[in-house]
Amino acid sequence: AYGIALSNNTVFYSNDLDPALLNDYYVNIGGNSQVQYAYKMPLAFSKNGNQIQMKIKEAEQAPINIIETDINTVNGPIHVVDNLLLPKGFKLK
């Protein structure tokens, strides 16, 4: 069986930004029972008190803070962060 991977929901409000829900969340799953097309959430979420934090998984950067949440747009909510998200190995000159 072959086919395109089936997509999961990728619109998350602040109440969804929970490490228990999203750190192992599949953004898409294999189409027609094929798990090789599965793609896990590339971001890791955490909480520091009431502050929601996130980082790119396996990046050396410390988690950044989400400072404003749930700004509604036509394409879904926007969340404002206080820093850039830099992937592993990315260097700025």
N, C-alpha and C. Protein backbone atom coordinates (compact mmCIF):
# COMPACT_ATOMS: atom_id res chain seq x y z
N ALA A 1 0.84 -1.18 0.00
CA ALA A 1 0.00 0.00 0.00
C ALA A 1 0.88 1.24 0.00
N TYR A 2 0.61 2.15 -0.91
CA TYR A 2 1.36 3.39 -1.02
C TYR A 2 0.38 4.55 -0.91
N GLY A 3 0.90 5.70 -0.56
CA GLY A 3 0.04 6.87 -0.50
C GLY A 3 0.67 8.00 0.26
N ILE A 4 0.08 9.15 0.12
CA ILE A 4 0.55 10.34 0.82
C ILE A 4 0.24 10.20 2.30
N ALA A 5 1.11 10.76 3.12
CA ALA A 5 0.89 10.73 4.56
C ALA A 5 -0.36 11.53 4.91
N LEU A 6 -1.08 11.06 5.89
CA LEU A 6 -2.28 11.75 6.37
C LEU A 6 -1.88 12.80 7.38
N SER A 7 -2.37 14.02 7.20
CA SER A 7 -1.96 15.11 8.10
C SER A 7 -2.82 15.12 9.36
N ASN A 8 -2.21 15.56 10.44
CA ASN A 8 -2.90 15.79 11.70
C ASN A 8 -3.09 17.29 11.88
N ASN A 9 -3.83 17.67 12.89
CA ASN A 9 -4.07 19.08 13.19
C ASN A 9 -2.75 19.79 13.50
N THR A 10 -2.52 20.93 12.88
CA THR A 10 -1.32 21.72 13.16
C THR A 10 -1.67 23.14 13.59
N VAL A 11 -2.88 23.34 14.05
CA VAL A 11 -3.32 24.63 14.58
C VAL A 11 -3.48 24.45 16.08
N PHE A 12 -2.60 25.11 16.84
CA PHE A 12 -2.58 24.92 18.28
C PHE A 12 -2.78 26.23 19.01
N TYR A 13 -3.75 26.27 19.90
CA TYR A 13 -3.94 27.41 20.80
C TYR A 13 -3.08 27.19 22.04
N SER A 14 -2.95 28.20 22.87
CA SER A 14 -2.04 28.12 24.02
C SER A 14 -2.36 26.96 24.95
N ASN A 15 -3.62 26.60 25.08
CA ASN A 15 -3.96 25.47 25.95
C ASN A 15 -3.49 24.14 25.37
N ASP A 16 -3.15 24.11 24.07
CA ASP A 16 -2.63 22.91 23.42
C ASP A 16 -1.11 22.80 23.53
N LEU A 17 -0.43 23.89 23.89
CA LEU A 17 1.04 23.91 23.93
C LEU A 17 1.54 23.26 25.22
N ASP A 18 1.19 22.03 25.39
CA ASP A 18 1.49 21.26 26.59
C ASP A 18 2.51 20.18 26.23
N PRO A 19 3.60 20.08 26.98
CA PRO A 19 4.62 19.06 26.67
C PRO A 19 4.03 17.64 26.60
N ALA A 20 3.09 17.32 27.46
CA ALA A 20 2.51 15.98 27.47
C ALA A 20 1.72 15.69 26.19
N LEU A 21 1.17 16.73 25.57
CA LEU A 21 0.38 16.55 24.35
C LEU A 21 1.22 16.62 23.08
N LEU A 22 2.19 17.52 23.03
CA LEU A 22 2.84 17.82 21.75
C LEU A 22 4.26 17.30 21.56
N ASN A 23 4.99 16.99 22.60
CA ASN A 23 6.40 16.62 22.40
C ASN A 23 6.56 15.33 21.60
N ASP A 24 5.59 14.43 21.63
CA ASP A 24 5.63 13.22 20.81
C ASP A 24 4.49 13.19 19.80
N TYR A 25 3.97 14.36 19.45
CA TYR A 25 2.84 14.49 18.52
C TYR A 25 3.31 14.25 17.09
N TYR A 26 2.54 13.48 16.33
CA TYR A 26 2.84 13.27 14.91
C TYR A 26 2.14 14.34 14.09
N VAL A 27 2.92 15.17 13.39
CA VAL A 27 2.36 16.20 12.52
C VAL A 27 1.66 15.52 11.36
N ASN A 28 2.23 14.43 10.87
CA ASN A 28 1.51 13.58 9.92
C ASN A 28 1.83 12.13 10.21
N ILE A 29 0.97 11.29 9.74
CA ILE A 29 1.16 9.86 9.95
C ILE A 29 1.16 9.17 8.60
N GLY A 30 1.70 7.99 8.54
CA GLY A 30 1.82 7.29 7.26
C GLY A 30 0.48 7.03 6.60
N GLY A 31 0.42 7.29 5.32
CA GLY A 31 -0.79 7.01 4.56
C GLY A 31 -0.89 5.52 4.27
N ASN A 32 -2.06 4.97 4.28
CA ASN A 32 -2.29 3.55 3.99
C ASN A 32 -1.40 2.64 4.82
N SER A 33 -1.34 2.88 6.10
CA SER A 33 -0.61 2.05 7.07
C SER A 33 0.91 2.09 6.93
N GLN A 34 1.46 3.08 6.29
CA GLN A 34 2.92 3.15 6.12
C GLN A 34 3.50 4.16 7.09
N VAL A 35 4.17 3.67 8.10
CA VAL A 35 4.71 4.56 9.12
C VAL A 35 6.00 5.26 8.70
N GLN A 36 6.62 4.86 7.62
CA GLN A 36 7.86 5.52 7.22
C GLN A 36 7.64 6.98 6.80
N TYR A 37 6.40 7.37 6.53
CA TYR A 37 6.10 8.75 6.19
C TYR A 37 5.76 9.59 7.41
N ALA A 38 5.76 8.99 8.57
CA ALA A 38 5.40 9.71 9.79
C ALA A 38 6.42 10.80 10.09
N TYR A 39 5.94 11.94 10.58
CA TYR A 39 6.80 13.09 10.91
C TYR A 39 6.39 13.61 12.27
N LYS A 40 7.30 13.53 13.24
CA LYS A 40 7.01 14.00 14.60
C LYS A 40 7.23 15.50 14.73
N MET A 41 6.55 16.08 15.69
CA MET A 41 6.68 17.50 16.01
C MET A 41 8.16 17.85 16.18
N PRO A 42 8.67 18.84 15.42
CA PRO A 42 10.09 19.19 15.52
C PRO A 42 10.41 20.11 16.70
N LEU A 43 9.38 20.58 17.40
CA LEU A 43 9.56 21.49 18.52
C LEU A 43 9.32 20.77 19.85
N ALA A 44 10.05 21.19 20.88
CA ALA A 44 9.85 20.67 22.22
C ALA A 44 9.27 21.79 23.08
N PHE A 45 8.20 21.50 23.77
CA PHE A 45 7.54 22.48 24.62
C PHE A 45 7.82 22.16 26.08
N SER A 46 7.88 23.21 26.90
CA SER A 46 8.07 23.04 28.33
C SER A 46 7.37 24.19 29.04
N LYS A 47 7.29 24.08 30.35
CA LYS A 47 6.68 25.15 31.15
C LYS A 47 7.63 25.51 32.27
N ASN A 48 7.71 26.81 32.54
CA ASN A 48 8.48 27.33 33.67
C ASN A 48 7.50 28.15 34.49
N GLY A 49 6.88 27.51 35.48
CA GLY A 49 5.77 28.15 36.19
C GLY A 49 4.58 28.23 35.26
N ASN A 50 4.08 29.44 35.02
CA ASN A 50 2.97 29.63 34.08
C ASN A 50 3.47 30.00 32.68
N GLN A 51 4.79 30.15 32.52
CA GLN A 51 5.38 30.57 31.25
C GLN A 51 5.56 29.35 30.32
N ILE A 52 5.01 29.44 29.11
CA ILE A 52 5.19 28.39 28.11
C ILE A 52 6.51 28.66 27.39
N GLN A 53 7.32 27.62 27.23
CA GLN A 53 8.60 27.75 26.53
C GLN A 53 8.67 26.72 25.42
N MET A 54 9.53 26.99 24.44
CA MET A 54 9.71 26.05 23.34
C MET A 54 11.12 26.14 22.80
N LYS A 55 11.55 25.09 22.12
CA LYS A 55 12.84 25.07 21.44
C LYS A 55 12.76 24.05 20.33
N ILE A 56 13.70 24.10 19.43
CA ILE A 56 13.81 23.07 18.41
C ILE A 56 14.48 21.87 19.05
N LYS A 57 13.88 20.70 18.87
CA LYS A 57 14.44 19.49 19.47
C LYS A 57 15.89 19.29 19.03
N GLU A 58 16.72 18.89 19.95
CA GLU A 58 18.14 18.60 19.76
C GLU A 58 19.00 19.83 19.45
N ALA A 59 18.44 21.02 19.53
CA ALA A 59 19.24 22.24 19.36
C ALA A 59 19.90 22.59 20.68
N GLU A 60 21.07 23.23 20.60
CA GLU A 60 21.80 23.60 21.81
C GLU A 60 21.21 24.83 22.49
N GLN A 61 20.38 25.57 21.80
CA GLN A 61 19.79 26.80 22.32
C GLN A 61 18.87 26.52 23.51
N ALA A 62 18.92 27.40 24.49
CA ALA A 62 18.00 27.30 25.63
C ALA A 62 16.57 27.56 25.15
N PRO A 63 15.57 27.05 25.84
CA PRO A 63 14.18 27.30 25.43
C PRO A 63 13.86 28.80 25.44
N ILE A 64 13.02 29.20 24.50
CA ILE A 64 12.58 30.60 24.43
C ILE A 64 11.18 30.70 25.01
N ASN A 65 10.80 31.89 25.41
CA ASN A 65 9.49 32.13 26.03
C ASN A 65 8.47 32.54 24.98
N ILE A 66 7.27 32.03 25.12
CA ILE A 66 6.14 32.50 24.32
C ILE A 66 5.50 33.61 25.13
N ILE A 67 5.63 34.86 24.64
CA ILE A 67 5.23 36.02 25.44
C ILE A 67 3.81 36.51 25.17
N GLU A 68 3.26 36.15 24.02
CA GLU A 68 1.87 36.51 23.72
C GLU A 68 1.27 35.36 22.93
N THR A 69 0.07 34.95 23.30
CA THR A 69 -0.53 33.77 22.68
C THR A 69 -1.89 34.08 22.08
N ASP A 70 -2.30 33.18 21.21
CA ASP A 70 -3.67 33.14 20.69
C ASP A 70 -4.11 34.41 19.97
N ILE A 71 -3.25 34.95 19.13
CA ILE A 71 -3.64 36.06 18.27
C ILE A 71 -4.32 35.43 17.07
N ASN A 72 -5.62 35.60 16.97
CA ASN A 72 -6.39 34.94 15.91
C ASN A 72 -6.14 35.54 14.55
N THR A 73 -5.93 34.67 13.57
CA THR A 73 -5.80 35.05 12.17
C THR A 73 -6.64 34.09 11.35
N VAL A 74 -6.75 34.34 10.06
CA VAL A 74 -7.52 33.46 9.18
C VAL A 74 -6.90 32.06 9.14
N ASN A 75 -5.59 31.96 9.21
CA ASN A 75 -4.90 30.67 9.12
C ASN A 75 -4.70 29.99 10.47
N GLY A 76 -5.19 30.57 11.54
CA GLY A 76 -5.02 30.00 12.86
C GLY A 76 -4.31 30.97 13.77
N PRO A 77 -4.09 30.57 15.01
CA PRO A 77 -3.49 31.48 15.99
C PRO A 77 -2.00 31.71 15.76
N ILE A 78 -1.56 32.90 16.12
CA ILE A 78 -0.14 33.25 16.10
C ILE A 78 0.31 33.41 17.54
N HIS A 79 1.52 32.93 17.84
CA HIS A 79 2.11 33.07 19.16
C HIS A 79 3.41 33.85 19.00
N VAL A 80 3.63 34.85 19.84
CA VAL A 80 4.81 35.70 19.78
C VAL A 80 5.86 35.16 20.74
N VAL A 81 7.10 35.04 20.25
CA VAL A 81 8.20 34.55 21.06
C VAL A 81 9.21 35.66 21.30
N ASP A 82 10.05 35.50 22.32
CA ASP A 82 10.99 36.56 22.69
C ASP A 82 12.39 36.38 22.11
N ASN A 83 12.57 35.42 21.21
CA ASN A 83 13.89 35.17 20.64
C ASN A 83 13.73 34.38 19.35
N LEU A 84 14.82 34.24 18.60
CA LEU A 84 14.82 33.42 17.40
C LEU A 84 14.94 31.95 17.76
N LEU A 85 14.33 31.09 16.96
CA LEU A 85 14.52 29.64 17.10
C LEU A 85 15.62 29.24 16.12
N LEU A 86 16.73 28.75 16.64
CA LEU A 86 17.86 28.38 15.80
C LEU A 86 18.06 26.87 15.82
N PRO A 87 18.10 26.23 14.65
CA PRO A 87 18.30 24.78 14.61
C PRO A 87 19.72 24.39 14.98
N LYS A 88 19.90 23.12 15.29
CA LYS A 88 21.20 22.58 15.67
C LYS A 88 22.23 22.86 14.57
N GLY A 89 23.37 23.37 14.96
CA GLY A 89 24.46 23.65 14.02
C GLY A 89 24.37 24.97 13.30
N PHE A 90 23.31 25.77 13.49
CA PHE A 90 23.17 27.05 12.82
C PHE A 90 24.09 28.07 13.48
N LYS A 91 24.84 28.81 12.67
CA LYS A 91 25.77 29.81 13.19
C LYS A 91 25.48 31.16 12.56
N LEU A 92 25.55 32.20 13.37
CA LEU A 92 25.42 33.58 12.87
C LEU A 92 26.80 34.21 12.87
N LYS A 93 27.08 35.00 11.84
CA LYS A 93 28.39 35.68 11.78
C LYS A 93 28.29 37.02 12.45
